[in-house]
Amino acid sequence: MLDRSHRFHGLGSLNHVYKHGSTRRTPWFAIKYQRNPKRSTYRCAVVVSRKVSKSAVVRNRIRRRLYEILRLELAGLVPAYDIVVTVFSDQVESADSKKLQRMVHEAVTVADLR
């Protein structure tokens, strides 16, 4: 699970990233990111809409899977970024973990967050 210091607190920060951040899309999710010089570590949020799944259990499972992959992928992130992952496909829930890890790794690499 992602450490509490790496999570967003409050809607204002998310809105700022949505308005001013850059976007990288994959077939199942989009990553919005923005550099944050005010912080010393990155912050990350995973947003799963009710349009993806009506079931809160499924949405939380998707969130937990992505948080764990992001925790491992962003472990060595030196510059502080604000990162918001927006899921828009229910295939994330049933996808093979290796494939999902590969998609997140490619999105982070293309976004040049490392």
Protein backbone atom coordinates (compact mmCIF):
# COMPACT_ATOMS: atom_id res chain seq x y z
CA MET A 1 0.00 0.00 0.00
CA LEU A 2 1.14 3.53 -0.73
CA ASP A 3 2.47 5.39 2.30
CA ARG A 4 0.28 8.17 3.68
CA SER A 5 2.93 10.81 2.93
CA HIS A 6 2.58 10.00 -0.78
CA ARG A 7 -1.19 10.52 -0.94
CA PHE A 8 -3.22 13.58 -1.81
CA HIS A 9 -5.22 15.35 0.88
CA GLY A 10 -8.01 17.60 -0.32
CA LEU A 11 -9.72 18.27 -3.60
CA GLY A 12 -7.88 21.52 -4.36
CA SER A 13 -4.60 19.80 -5.14
CA LEU A 14 -6.29 17.33 -7.47
CA ASN A 15 -8.06 20.15 -9.31
CA HIS A 16 -4.76 21.97 -9.75
CA VAL A 17 -3.18 18.90 -11.38
CA TYR A 18 -6.27 18.40 -13.58
CA LYS A 19 -6.08 22.02 -14.81
CA HIS A 20 -2.34 22.46 -15.21
CA GLY A 21 -0.84 18.98 -15.54
CA SER A 22 0.39 17.06 -18.57
CA THR A 23 -1.36 13.87 -19.66
CA ARG A 24 -0.24 10.48 -20.94
CA ARG A 25 -2.94 8.01 -21.95
CA THR A 26 -3.00 4.26 -22.18
CA PRO A 27 -5.95 2.17 -23.41
CA TRP A 28 -7.20 1.67 -19.82
CA PHE A 29 -6.14 4.74 -17.85
CA ALA A 30 -4.60 8.20 -18.08
CA ILE A 31 -1.80 9.66 -16.00
CA LYS A 32 -1.85 13.40 -15.28
CA TYR A 33 1.28 14.77 -13.65
CA GLN A 34 2.83 18.04 -12.67
CA ARG A 35 6.09 18.90 -10.98
CA ASN A 36 5.67 20.30 -7.47
CA PRO A 37 8.72 22.22 -6.22
CA LYS A 38 7.03 22.93 -2.86
CA ARG A 39 7.25 19.28 -1.80
CA SER A 40 10.16 16.92 -1.22
CA THR A 41 8.33 13.70 -2.21
CA TYR A 42 5.79 12.73 -4.83
CA ARG A 43 2.04 12.50 -4.24
CA CYS A 44 -0.21 10.07 -6.04
CA ALA A 45 -3.96 9.52 -6.38
CA VAL A 46 -5.98 6.90 -8.24
CA VAL A 47 -9.45 7.97 -9.37
CA VAL A 48 -11.96 5.30 -10.43
CA SER A 49 -15.35 6.56 -11.53
CA ARG A 50 -18.62 4.82 -10.87
CA LYS A 51 -18.95 4.59 -14.66
CA VAL A 52 -16.16 2.01 -14.57
CA SER A 53 -18.03 -0.21 -12.13
CA LYS A 54 -21.12 0.29 -10.01
CA SER A 55 -19.63 -1.92 -7.31
CA ALA A 56 -17.50 -0.17 -4.70
CA VAL A 57 -15.71 -3.48 -4.07
CA VAL A 58 -14.49 -3.59 -7.67
CA ARG A 59 -13.50 0.10 -7.71
CA ASN A 60 -11.50 -0.34 -4.49
CA ARG A 61 -9.80 -3.46 -5.86
CA ILE A 62 -8.74 -1.49 -8.94
CA ARG A 63 -7.45 1.31 -6.69
CA ARG A 64 -5.46 -1.08 -4.51
CA ARG A 65 -3.89 -2.83 -7.50
CA LEU A 66 -2.77 0.45 -9.05
CA TYR A 67 -1.52 1.91 -5.76
CA GLU A 68 0.71 -1.12 -5.24
CA ILE A 69 2.12 -0.98 -8.77
CA LEU A 70 2.71 2.77 -8.47
CA ARG A 71 4.40 2.33 -5.10
CA LEU A 72 6.92 -0.07 -6.65
CA GLU A 73 7.31 1.93 -9.86
CA LEU A 74 7.79 5.34 -8.24
CA ALA A 75 10.00 4.20 -5.35
CA GLY A 76 13.10 5.98 -6.66
CA LEU A 77 11.36 9.12 -7.92
CA VAL A 78 13.70 11.98 -7.01
CA PRO A 79 11.88 15.13 -8.19
CA ALA A 80 8.57 15.77 -6.47
CA TYR A 81 5.59 15.26 -8.76
CA ASP A 82 1.84 15.31 -8.24
CA ILE A 83 0.44 12.31 -10.11
CA VAL A 84 -3.23 11.46 -10.72
CA VAL A 85 -4.17 8.18 -12.39
CA THR A 86 -7.70 8.22 -13.82
CA VAL A 87 -9.08 4.79 -14.70
CA PHE A 88 -11.68 4.61 -17.47
CA SER A 89 -11.83 0.89 -18.23
CA ASP A 90 -13.07 -2.00 -16.13
CA GLN A 91 -10.47 -4.27 -17.75
CA VAL A 92 -7.94 -3.07 -15.16
CA GLU A 93 -9.72 -5.18 -12.54
CA SER A 94 -9.37 -8.45 -14.41
CA ALA A 95 -6.08 -7.77 -16.21
CA ASP A 96 -2.99 -9.88 -15.66
CA SER A 97 -0.73 -8.15 -13.14
CA LYS A 98 2.33 -8.39 -15.41
CA LYS A 99 0.46 -6.67 -18.23
CA LEU A 100 -0.80 -3.96 -15.89
CA GLN A 101 2.71 -3.41 -14.49
CA ARG A 102 4.06 -3.14 -18.03
CA MET A 103 1.39 -0.55 -18.96
CA VAL A 104 2.13 1.57 -15.88
CA HIS A 105 5.88 1.30 -16.48
CA GLU A 106 5.48 2.40 -20.12
CA ALA A 107 3.24 5.32 -19.13
CA VAL A 108 5.70 6.48 -16.47
CA THR A 109 8.60 6.14 -18.90
CA VAL A 110 6.81 8.07 -21.65
CA ALA A 111 5.86 10.76 -19.14
CA ASP A 112 9.57 10.98 -18.23
CA LEU A 113 8.89 10.90 -14.48
CA ARG A 114 12.13 9.08 -13.68
